[in-house]
Amino acid sequence: MAAWWQPGFLKPLEWMSWTYRVALADSPRQAEQEYFAPLAEALKQVAGIPVILTGGIKDAKVADQLLQERKADLIGVGRAIMSDLLWTKRAVESLRGI
């Protein structure tokens, strides 16, 4: 398998991402936080490398559940943090039940 920095490595991943986005373009699933979870889970099973799941995840409990279900190895919450600078503090509090 080609290393991630070698030409051509990302083409299949880019194609899968584009295909999945087109499939979800008008889908009601896009309103869900974990709308890329099925793709991340499938990729994780075949790729043999750690997978980061992104896609509108804003709730720490949803992120934790996805990790517990092993649908991904890491959850990207960049937009959640950009819209709420205290997101990480609130996430820890919600997961601890504070």
PDB file of N, CA and C in Angstrom:
ATOM      1  N   MET A   1       0.847  -1.184   0.000  1.00  0.00           N
ATOM      2  CA  MET A   1       0.000   0.000   0.000  1.00  0.00           C
ATOM      3  C   MET A   1       0.892   1.247   0.000  1.00  0.00           C
ATOM      4  N   ALA A   2       0.489   2.224  -0.768  1.00  0.00           N
ATOM      5  CA  ALA A   2       1.243   3.475  -0.865  1.00  0.00           C
ATOM      6  C   ALA A   2       1.109   4.266   0.437  1.00  0.00           C
ATOM      7  N   ALA A   3       2.156   4.992   0.756  1.00  0.00           N
ATOM      8  CA  ALA A   3       2.117   5.860   1.933  1.00  0.00           C
ATOM      9  C   ALA A   3       1.233   7.061   1.633  1.00  0.00           C
ATOM     10  N   TRP A   4       0.719   7.693   2.677  1.00  0.00           N
ATOM     11  CA  TRP A   4      -0.246   8.775   2.501  1.00  0.00           C
ATOM     12  C   TRP A   4       0.308   9.947   1.709  1.00  0.00           C
ATOM     13  N   TRP A   5       1.605  10.148   1.730  1.00  0.00           N
ATOM     14  CA  TRP A   5       2.177  11.299   1.018  1.00  0.00           C
ATOM     15  C   TRP A   5       2.503  10.983  -0.430  1.00  0.00           C
ATOM     16  N   GLN A   6       2.398   9.739  -0.852  1.00  0.00           N
ATOM     17  CA  GLN A   6       2.726   9.383  -2.225  1.00  0.00           C
ATOM     18  C   GLN A   6       1.568   9.721  -3.160  1.00  0.00           C
ATOM     19  N   PRO A   7       1.893  10.096  -4.397  1.00  0.00           N
ATOM     20  CA  PRO A   7       0.834  10.431  -5.362  1.00  0.00           C
ATOM     21  C   PRO A   7      -0.116   9.255  -5.554  1.00  0.00           C
ATOM     22  N   GLY A   8      -1.391   9.574  -5.629  1.00  0.00           N
ATOM     23  CA  GLY A   8      -2.393   8.558  -5.901  1.00  0.00           C
ATOM     24  C   GLY A   8      -3.022   7.928  -4.682  1.00  0.00           C
ATOM     25  N   PHE A   9      -2.416   8.105  -3.502  1.00  0.00           N
ATOM     26  CA  PHE A   9      -2.953   7.439  -2.314  1.00  0.00           C
ATOM     27  C   PHE A   9      -4.338   7.966  -1.961  1.00  0.00           C
ATOM     28  N   LEU A  10      -4.519   9.283  -1.999  1.00  0.00           N
ATOM     29  CA  LEU A  10      -5.791   9.842  -1.560  1.00  0.00           C
ATOM     30  C   LEU A  10      -6.897   9.744  -2.598  1.00  0.00           C
ATOM     31  N   LYS A  11      -6.581   9.428  -3.819  1.00  0.00           N
ATOM     32  CA  LYS A  11      -7.620   9.397  -4.840  1.00  0.00           C
ATOM     33  C   LYS A  11      -8.797   8.496  -4.465  1.00  0.00           C
ATOM     34  N   PRO A  12      -8.575   7.236  -4.024  1.00  0.00           N
ATOM     35  CA  PRO A  12      -9.737   6.427  -3.646  1.00  0.00           C
ATOM     36  C   PRO A  12     -10.505   7.026  -2.475  1.00  0.00           C
ATOM     37  N   LEU A  13      -9.788   7.607  -1.495  1.00  0.00           N
ATOM     38  CA  LEU A  13     -10.465   8.217  -0.360  1.00  0.00           C
ATOM     39  C   LEU A  13     -11.247   9.448  -0.783  1.00  0.00           C
ATOM     40  N   GLU A  14     -10.664  10.263  -1.655  1.00  0.00           N
ATOM     41  CA  GLU A  14     -11.365  11.446  -2.149  1.00  0.00           C
ATOM     42  C   GLU A  14     -12.613  11.031  -2.916  1.00  0.00           C
ATOM     43  N   TRP A  15     -12.494   9.981  -3.704  1.00  0.00           N
ATOM     44  CA  TRP A  15     -13.639   9.508  -4.475  1.00  0.00           C
ATOM     45  C   TRP A  15     -14.748   9.034  -3.556  1.00  0.00           C
ATOM     46  N   MET A  16     -14.384   8.274  -2.500  1.00  0.00           N
ATOM     47  CA  MET A  16     -15.395   7.791  -1.561  1.00  0.00           C
ATOM     48  C   MET A  16     -16.058   8.956  -0.852  1.00  0.00           C
ATOM     49  N   SER A  17     -15.270   9.935  -0.459  1.00  0.00           N
ATOM     50  CA  SER A  17     -15.822  11.093   0.228  1.00  0.00           C
ATOM     51  C   SER A  17     -16.775  11.857  -0.685  1.00  0.00           C
ATOM     52  N   TRP A  18     -16.364  12.080  -1.926  1.00  0.00           N
ATOM     53  CA  TRP A  18     -17.217  12.786  -2.884  1.00  0.00           C
ATOM     54  C   TRP A  18     -18.495  12.012  -3.130  1.00  0.00           C
ATOM     55  N   THR A  19     -18.386  10.706  -3.330  1.00  0.00           N
ATOM     56  CA  THR A  19     -19.557   9.867  -3.576  1.00  0.00           C
ATOM     57  C   THR A  19     -20.506   9.930  -2.403  1.00  0.00           C
ATOM     58  N   TYR A  20     -19.984   9.864  -1.218  1.00  0.00           N
ATOM     59  CA  TYR A  20     -20.827   9.889  -0.027  1.00  0.00           C
ATOM     60  C   TYR A  20     -21.506  11.241   0.123  1.00  0.00           C
ATOM     61  N   ARG A  21     -20.799  12.316  -0.177  1.00  0.00           N
ATOM     62  CA  ARG A  21     -21.408  13.651  -0.091  1.00  0.00           C
ATOM     63  C   ARG A  21     -22.532  13.815  -1.097  1.00  0.00           C
ATOM     64  N   VAL A  22     -22.341  13.308  -2.309  1.00  0.00           N
ATOM     65  CA  VAL A  22     -23.385  13.387  -3.323  1.00  0.00           C
ATOM     66  C   VAL A  22     -24.593  12.581  -2.875  1.00  0.00           C
ATOM     67  N   ALA A  23     -24.352  11.407  -2.308  1.00  0.00           N
ATOM     68  CA  ALA A  23     -25.445  10.552  -1.853  1.00  0.00           C
ATOM     69  C   ALA A  23     -26.228  11.212  -0.724  1.00  0.00           C
ATOM     70  N   LEU A  24     -25.565  12.043   0.066  1.00  0.00           N
ATOM     71  CA  LEU A  24     -26.222  12.693   1.197  1.00  0.00           C
ATOM     72  C   LEU A  24     -26.716  14.097   0.891  1.00  0.00           C
ATOM     73  N   ALA A  25     -26.501  14.566  -0.313  1.00  0.00           N
ATOM     74  CA  ALA A  25     -26.787  15.969  -0.634  1.00  0.00           C
ATOM     75  C   ALA A  25     -28.179  16.400  -0.200  1.00  0.00           C
ATOM     76  N   ASP A  26     -29.185  15.612  -0.464  1.00  0.00           N
ATOM     77  CA  ASP A  26     -30.548  15.975  -0.096  1.00  0.00           C
ATOM     78  C   ASP A  26     -31.135  15.009   0.930  1.00  0.00           C
ATOM     79  N   SER A  27     -30.281  14.330   1.638  1.00  0.00           N
ATOM     80  CA  SER A  27     -30.727  13.314   2.573  1.00  0.00           C
ATOM     81  C   SER A  27     -31.095  13.920   3.916  1.00  0.00           C
ATOM     82  N   PRO A  28     -32.170  13.435   4.532  1.00  0.00           N
ATOM     83  CA  PRO A  28     -32.497  13.900   5.882  1.00  0.00           C
ATOM     84  C   PRO A  28     -31.461  13.457   6.904  1.00  0.00           C
ATOM     85  N   ARG A  29     -30.652  12.447   6.571  1.00  0.00           N
ATOM     86  CA  ARG A  29     -29.605  11.983   7.487  1.00  0.00           C
ATOM     87  C   ARG A  29     -28.580  13.067   7.752  1.00  0.00           C
ATOM     88  N   GLN A  30     -28.411  13.990   6.827  1.00  0.00           N
ATOM     89  CA  GLN A  30     -27.388  15.020   7.006  1.00  0.00           C
ATOM     90  C   GLN A  30     -27.692  15.886   8.225  1.00  0.00           C
ATOM     91  N   ALA A  31     -28.929  15.897   8.671  1.00  0.00           N
ATOM     92  CA  ALA A  31     -29.281  16.654   9.863  1.00  0.00           C
ATOM     93  C   ALA A  31     -28.767  15.963  11.124  1.00  0.00           C
ATOM     94  N   GLU A  32     -28.505  14.666  11.046  1.00  0.00           N
ATOM     95  CA  GLU A  32     -27.988  13.935  12.182  1.00  0.00           C
ATOM     96  C   GLU A  32     -26.515  14.284  12.387  1.00  0.00           C
ATOM     97  N   GLN A  33     -26.069  14.201  13.632  1.00  0.00           N
ATOM     98  CA  GLN A  33     -24.675  14.525  13.930  1.00  0.00           C
ATOM     99  C   GLN A  33     -23.707  13.525  13.332  1.00  0.00           C
ATOM    100  N   GLU A  34     -24.078  12.285  13.310  1.00  0.00           N
ATOM    101  CA  GLU A  34     -23.138  11.239  12.908  1.00  0.00           C
ATOM    102  C   GLU A  34     -23.372  10.756  11.485  1.00  0.00           C
ATOM    103  N   TYR A  35     -23.678  11.667  10.576  1.00  0.00           N
ATOM    104  CA  TYR A  35     -24.043  11.231   9.225  1.00  0.00           C
ATOM    105  C   TYR A  35     -22.910  10.577   8.445  1.00  0.00           C
ATOM    106  N   PHE A  36     -21.653  10.741   8.854  1.00  0.00           N
ATOM    107  CA  PHE A  36     -20.554  10.047   8.189  1.00  0.00           C
ATOM    108  C   PHE A  36     -20.156   8.758   8.918  1.00  0.00           C
ATOM    109  N   ALA A  37     -20.843   8.399   9.989  1.00  0.00           N
ATOM    110  CA  ALA A  37     -20.480   7.215  10.772  1.00  0.00           C
ATOM    111  C   ALA A  37     -20.460   5.932   9.946  1.00  0.00           C
ATOM    112  N   PRO A  38     -21.450   5.670   9.088  1.00  0.00           N
ATOM    113  CA  PRO A  38     -21.390   4.431   8.302  1.00  0.00           C
ATOM    114  C   PRO A  38     -20.157   4.365   7.394  1.00  0.00           C
ATOM    115  N   LEU A  39     -19.793   5.486   6.798  1.00  0.00           N
ATOM    116  CA  LEU A  39     -18.617   5.518   5.931  1.00  0.00           C
ATOM    117  C   LEU A  39     -17.340   5.322   6.752  1.00  0.00           C
ATOM    118  N   ALA A  40     -17.240   5.997   7.891  1.00  0.00           N
ATOM    119  CA  ALA A  40     -16.053   5.858   8.740  1.00  0.00           C
ATOM    120  C   ALA A  40     -15.904   4.425   9.233  1.00  0.00           C
ATOM    121  N   GLU A  41     -17.013   3.820   9.619  1.00  0.00           N
ATOM    122  CA  GLU A  41     -16.965   2.442  10.112  1.00  0.00           C
ATOM    123  C   GLU A  41     -16.512   1.483   9.013  1.00  0.00           C
ATOM    124  N   ALA A  42     -17.039   1.650   7.807  1.00  0.00           N
ATOM    125  CA  ALA A  42     -16.642   0.792   6.688  1.00  0.00           C
ATOM    126  C   ALA A  42     -15.176   0.996   6.335  1.00  0.00           C
ATOM    127  N   LEU A  43     -14.739   2.245   6.322  1.00  0.00           N
ATOM    128  CA  LEU A  43     -13.351   2.551   6.013  1.00  0.00           C
ATOM    129  C   LEU A  43     -12.415   1.969   7.070  1.00  0.00           C
ATOM    130  N   LYS A  44     -12.815   2.072   8.322  1.00  0.00           N
ATOM    131  CA  LYS A  44     -12.016   1.530   9.426  1.00  0.00           C
ATOM    132  C   LYS A  44     -11.833   0.022   9.276  1.00  0.00           C
ATOM    133  N   GLN A  45     -12.859  -0.663   8.837  1.00  0.00           N
ATOM    134  CA  GLN A  45     -12.796  -2.117   8.696  1.00  0.00           C
ATOM    135  C   GLN A  45     -11.852  -2.555   7.579  1.00  0.00           C
ATOM    136  N   VAL A  46     -11.778  -1.781   6.495  1.00  0.00           N
ATOM    137  CA  VAL A  46     -10.964  -2.221   5.355  1.00  0.00           C
ATOM    138  C   VAL A  46      -9.593  -1.555   5.265  1.00  0.00           C
ATOM    139  N   ALA A  47      -9.439  -0.371   5.841  1.00  0.00           N
ATOM    140  CA  ALA A  47      -8.201   0.379   5.650  1.00  0.00           C
ATOM    141  C   ALA A  47      -7.062  -0.094   6.543  1.00  0.00           C
ATOM    142  N   GLY A  48      -7.386  -0.523   7.725  1.00  0.00           N
ATOM    143  CA  GLY A  48      -6.341  -0.947   8.643  1.00  0.00           C
ATOM    144  C   GLY A  48      -5.522   0.197   9.221  1.00  0.00           C
ATOM    145  N   ILE A  49      -6.055   1.406   9.141  1.00  0.00           N
ATOM    146  CA  ILE A  49      -5.393   2.581   9.714  1.00  0.00           C
ATOM    147  C   ILE A  49      -6.403   3.320  10.592  1.00  0.00           C
ATOM    148  N   PRO A  50      -5.943   4.140  11.528  1.00  0.00           N
ATOM    149  CA  PRO A  50      -6.883   4.901  12.351  1.00  0.00           C
ATOM    150  C   PRO A  50      -7.746   5.827  11.489  1.00  0.00           C
ATOM    151  N   VAL A  51      -9.009   5.953  11.882  1.00  0.00           N
ATOM    152  CA  VAL A  51      -9.975   6.748  11.132  1.00  0.00           C
ATOM    153  C   VAL A  51     -10.534   7.847  12.022  1.00  0.00           C
ATOM    154  N   ILE A  52     -10.569   9.065  11.490  1.00  0.00           N
ATOM    155  CA  ILE A  52     -11.162  10.201  12.188  1.00  0.00           C
ATOM    156  C   ILE A  52     -12.548  10.432  11.602  1.00  0.00           C
ATOM    157  N   LEU A  53     -13.543  10.475  12.469  1.00  0.00           N
ATOM    158  CA  LEU A  53     -14.925  10.709  12.050  1.00  0.00           C
ATOM    159  C   LEU A  53     -15.272  12.169  12.259  1.00  0.00           C
ATOM    160  N   THR A  54     -15.729  12.813  11.216  1.00  0.00           N
ATOM    161  CA  THR A  54     -16.192  14.196  11.300  1.00  0.00           C
ATOM    162  C   THR A  54     -17.616  14.233  10.772  1.00  0.00           C
ATOM    163  N   GLY A  55     -18.231  15.374  10.833  1.00  0.00           N
ATOM    164  CA  GLY A  55     -19.563  15.485  10.243  1.00  0.00           C
ATOM    165  C   GLY A  55     -20.596  16.062  11.178  1.00  0.00           C
ATOM    166  N   GLY A  56     -20.354  17.239  11.668  1.00  0.00           N
ATOM    167  CA  GLY A  56     -21.369  17.944  12.439  1.00  0.00           C
ATOM    168  C   GLY A  56     -21.572  17.444  13.854  1.00  0.00           C
ATOM    169  N   ILE A  57     -20.616  16.737  14.401  1.00  0.00           N
ATOM    170  CA  ILE A  57     -20.776  16.214  15.754  1.00  0.00           C
ATOM    171  C   ILE A  57     -20.587  17.352  16.754  1.00  0.00           C
ATOM    172  N   LYS A  58     -21.628  17.590  17.545  1.00  0.00           N
ATOM    173  CA  LYS A  58     -21.613  18.697  18.498  1.00  0.00           C
ATOM    174  C   LYS A  58     -21.807  18.228  19.934  1.00  0.00           C
ATOM    175  N   ASP A  59     -22.352  17.041  20.100  1.00  0.00           N
ATOM    176  CA  ASP A  59     -22.688  16.516  21.415  1.00  0.00           C
ATOM    177  C   ASP A  59     -21.609  15.532  21.864  1.00  0.00           C
ATOM    178  N   ALA A  60     -21.018  15.792  23.017  1.00  0.00           N
ATOM    179  CA  ALA A  60     -19.947  14.935  23.537  1.00  0.00           C
ATOM    180  C   ALA A  60     -20.432  13.513  23.775  1.00  0.00           C
ATOM    181  N   LYS A  61     -21.672  13.353  24.164  1.00  0.00           N
ATOM    182  CA  LYS A  61     -22.203  12.007  24.409  1.00  0.00           C
ATOM    183  C   LYS A  61     -22.336  11.227  23.103  1.00  0.00           C
ATOM    184  N   VAL A  62     -22.689  11.912  22.030  1.00  0.00           N
ATOM    185  CA  VAL A  62     -22.741  11.264  20.715  1.00  0.00           C
ATOM    186  C   VAL A  62     -21.328  10.850  20.308  1.00  0.00           C
ATOM    187  N   ALA A  63     -20.369  11.740  20.488  1.00  0.00           N
ATOM    188  CA  ALA A  63     -18.977  11.428  20.157  1.00  0.00           C
ATOM    189  C   ALA A  63     -18.484  10.236  20.970  1.00  0.00           C
ATOM    190  N   ASP A  64     -18.779  10.226  22.252  1.00  0.00           N
ATOM    191  CA  ASP A  64     -18.361   9.123  23.115  1.00  0.00           C
ATOM    192  C   ASP A  64     -19.006   7.812  22.676  1.00  0.00           C
ATOM    193  N   GLN A  65     -20.273   7.858  22.335  1.00  0.00           N
ATOM    194  CA  GLN A  65     -20.975   6.649  21.888  1.00  0.00           C
ATOM    195  C   GLN A  65     -20.342   6.089  20.613  1.00  0.00           C
ATOM    196  N   LEU A  66     -20.007   6.963  19.675  1.00  0.00           N
ATOM    197  CA  LEU A  66     -19.371   6.523  18.431  1.00  0.00           C
ATOM    198  C   LEU A  66     -18.019   5.870  18.699  1.00  0.00           C
ATOM    199  N   LEU A  67     -17.272   6.408  19.652  1.00  0.00           N
ATOM    200  CA  LEU A  67     -15.989   5.805  20.024  1.00  0.00           C
ATOM    201  C   LEU A  67     -16.199   4.471  20.725  1.00  0.00           C
ATOM    202  N   GLN A  68     -17.187   4.414  21.620  1.00  0.00           N
ATOM    203  CA  GLN A  68     -17.482   3.162  22.319  1.00  0.00           C
ATOM    204  C   GLN A  68     -17.904   2.060  21.345  1.00  0.00           C
ATOM    205  N   GLU A  69     -18.637   2.441  20.308  1.00  0.00           N
ATOM    206  CA  GLU A  69     -19.089   1.484  19.292  1.00  0.00           C
ATOM    207  C   GLU A  69     -17.989   1.169  18.286  1.00  0.00           C
ATOM    208  N   ARG A  70     -16.824   1.796  18.462  1.00  0.00           N
ATOM    209  CA  ARG A  70     -15.650   1.598  17.603  1.00  0.00           C
ATOM    210  C   ARG A  70     -15.940   1.904  16.126  1.00  0.00           C
ATOM    211  N   LYS A  71     -16.771   2.921  15.903  1.00  0.00           N
ATOM    212  CA  LYS A  71     -17.042   3.350  14.527  1.00  0.00           C
ATOM    213  C   LYS A  71     -15.920   4.223  13.995  1.00  0.00           C
ATOM    214  N   ALA A  72     -15.082   4.730  14.892  1.00  0.00           N
ATOM    215  CA  ALA A  72     -13.927   5.548  14.521  1.00  0.00           C
ATOM    216  C   ALA A  72     -12.922   5.485  15.663  1.00  0.00           C
ATOM    217  N   ASP A  73     -11.725   5.977  15.381  1.00  0.00           N
ATOM    218  CA  ASP A  73     -10.678   6.009  16.395  1.00  0.00           C
ATOM    219  C   ASP A  73     -10.554   7.380  17.045  1.00  0.00           C
ATOM    220  N   LEU A  74     -11.041   8.387  16.362  1.00  0.00           N
ATOM    221  CA  LEU A  74     -10.969   9.762  16.841  1.00  0.00           C
ATOM    222  C   LEU A  74     -12.161  10.515  16.264  1.00  0.00           C
ATOM    223  N   ILE A  75     -12.666  11.480  17.011  1.00  0.00           N
ATOM    224  CA  ILE A  75     -13.802  12.272  16.554  1.00  0.00           C
ATOM    225  C   ILE A  75     -13.344  13.709  16.343  1.00  0.00           C
ATOM    226  N   GLY A  76     -13.628  14.242  15.161  1.00  0.00           N
ATOM    227  CA  GLY A  76     -13.302  15.632  14.862  1.00  0.00           C
ATOM    228  C   GLY A  76     -14.453  16.535  15.278  1.00  0.00           C
ATOM    229  N   VAL A  77     -14.155  17.507  16.123  1.00  0.00           N
ATOM    230  CA  VAL A  77     -15.190  18.421  16.616  1.00  0.00           C
ATOM    231  C   VAL A  77     -14.781  19.878  16.398  1.00  0.00           C
ATOM    232  N   GLY A  78     -14.078  20.139  15.324  1.00  0.00           N
ATOM    233  CA  GLY A  78     -13.575  21.487  15.058  1.00  0.00           C
ATOM    234  C   GLY A  78     -14.654  22.546  14.991  1.00  0.00           C
ATOM    235  N   ARG A  79     -15.726  22.267  14.275  1.00  0.00           N
ATOM    236  CA  ARG A  79     -16.798  23.265  14.162  1.00  0.00           C
ATOM    237  C   ARG A  79     -17.510  23.479  15.482  1.00  0.00           C
ATOM    238  N   ALA A  80     -17.665  22.411  16.248  1.00  0.00           N
ATOM    239  CA  ALA A  80     -18.302  22.549  17.561  1.00  0.00           C
ATOM    240  C   ALA A  80     -17.477  23.471  18.445  1.00  0.00           C
ATOM    241  N   ILE A  81     -16.163  23.308  18.412  1.00  0.00           N
ATOM    242  CA  ILE A  81     -15.280  24.142  19.229  1.00  0.00           C
ATOM    243  C   ILE A  81     -15.252  25.579  18.711  1.00  0.00           C
ATOM    244  N   MET A  82     -15.273  25.736  17.392  1.00  0.00           N
ATOM    245  CA  MET A  82     -15.267  27.099  16.839  1.00  0.00           C
ATOM    246  C   MET A  82     -16.545  27.853  17.190  1.00  0.00           C
ATOM    247  N   SER A  83     -17.658  27.140  17.296  1.00  0.00           N
ATOM    248  CA  SER A  83     -18.910  27.830  17.617  1.00  0.00           C
ATOM    249  C   SER A  83     -19.114  27.993  19.124  1.00  0.00           C
ATOM    250  N   ASP A  84     -18.352  27.243  19.926  1.00  0.00           N
ATOM    251  CA  ASP A  84     -18.453  27.339  21.383  1.00  0.00           C
ATOM    252  C   ASP A  84     -17.066  27.086  21.960  1.00  0.00           C
ATOM    253  N   LEU A  85     -16.374  28.138  22.307  1.00  0.00           N
ATOM    254  CA  LEU A  85     -14.999  28.011  22.787  1.00  0.00           C
ATOM    255  C   LEU A  85     -14.889  27.246  24.101  1.00  0.00           C
ATOM    256  N   LEU A  86     -15.992  27.085  24.797  1.00  0.00           N
ATOM    257  CA  LEU A  86     -15.991  26.302  26.033  1.00  0.00           C
ATOM    258  C   LEU A  86     -16.519  24.886  25.803  1.00  0.00           C
ATOM    259  N   TRP A  87     -16.575  24.450  24.545  1.00  0.00           N
ATOM    260  CA  TRP A  87     -17.130  23.131  24.217  1.00  0.00           C
ATOM    261  C   TRP A  87     -16.418  22.023  24.969  1.00  0.00           C
ATOM    262  N   THR A  88     -15.103  22.054  25.003  1.00  0.00           N
ATOM    263  CA  THR A  88     -14.374  20.962  25.657  1.00  0.00           C
ATOM    264  C   THR A  88     -14.692  20.899  27.159  1.00  0.00           C
ATOM    265  N   LYS A  89     -14.807  22.065  27.788  1.00  0.00           N
ATOM    266  CA  LYS A  89     -15.166  22.097  29.213  1.00  0.00           C
ATOM    267  C   LYS A  89     -16.561  21.510  29.409  1.00  0.00           C
ATOM    268  N   ARG A  90     -17.499  21.925  28.572  1.00  0.00           N
ATOM    269  CA  ARG A  90     -18.870  21.418  28.681  1.00  0.00           C
ATOM    270  C   ARG A  90     -18.928  19.914  28.359  1.00  0.00           C
ATOM    271  N   ALA A  91     -18.100  19.484  27.416  1.00  0.00           N
ATOM    272  CA  ALA A  91     -18.079  18.067  27.056  1.00  0.00           C
ATOM    273  C   ALA A  91     -17.619  17.212  28.230  1.00  0.00           C
ATOM    274  N   VAL A  92     -16.543  17.640  28.874  1.00  0.00           N
ATOM    275  CA  VAL A  92     -16.038  16.903  30.037  1.00  0.00           C
ATOM    276  C   VAL A  92     -17.098  16.878  31.130  1.00  0.00           C
ATOM    277  N   GLU A  93     -17.725  18.011  31.384  1.00  0.00           N
ATOM    278  CA  GLU A  93     -18.762  18.076  32.413  1.00  0.00           C
ATOM    279  C   GLU A  93     -19.937  17.163  32.072  1.00  0.00           C
ATOM    280  N   SER A  94     -20.361  17.145  30.836  1.00  0.00           N
ATOM    281  CA  SER A  94     -21.512  16.304  30.466  1.00  0.00           C
ATOM    282  C   SER A  94     -21.178  14.828  30.562  1.00  0.00           C
ATOM    283  N   LEU A  95     -19.947  14.452  30.224  1.00  0.00           N
ATOM    284  CA  LEU A  95     -19.568  13.046  30.299  1.00  0.00           C
ATOM    285  C   LEU A  95     -19.332  12.581  31.737  1.00  0.00           C
ATOM    286  N   ARG A  96     -18.947  13.509  32.581  1.00  0.00           N
ATOM    287  CA  ARG A  96     -18.770  13.182  34.003  1.00  0.00           C
ATOM    288  C   ARG A  96     -20.078  13.277  34.779  1.00  0.00           C
ATOM    289  N   GLY A  97     -21.084  13.884  34.151  1.00  0.00           N
ATOM    290  CA  GLY A  97     -22.370  14.044  34.821  1.00  0.00           C
ATOM    291  C   GLY A  97     -22.393  15.190  35.813  1.00  0.00           C
ATOM    292  N   ILE A  98     -21.533  16.189  35.586  1.00  0.00           N
ATOM    293  CA  ILE A  98     -21.458  17.349  36.498  1.00  0.00           C
ATOM    294  C   ILE A  98     -22.633  18.267  36.239  1.00  0.00           C
TER     295      ILE A  98
END
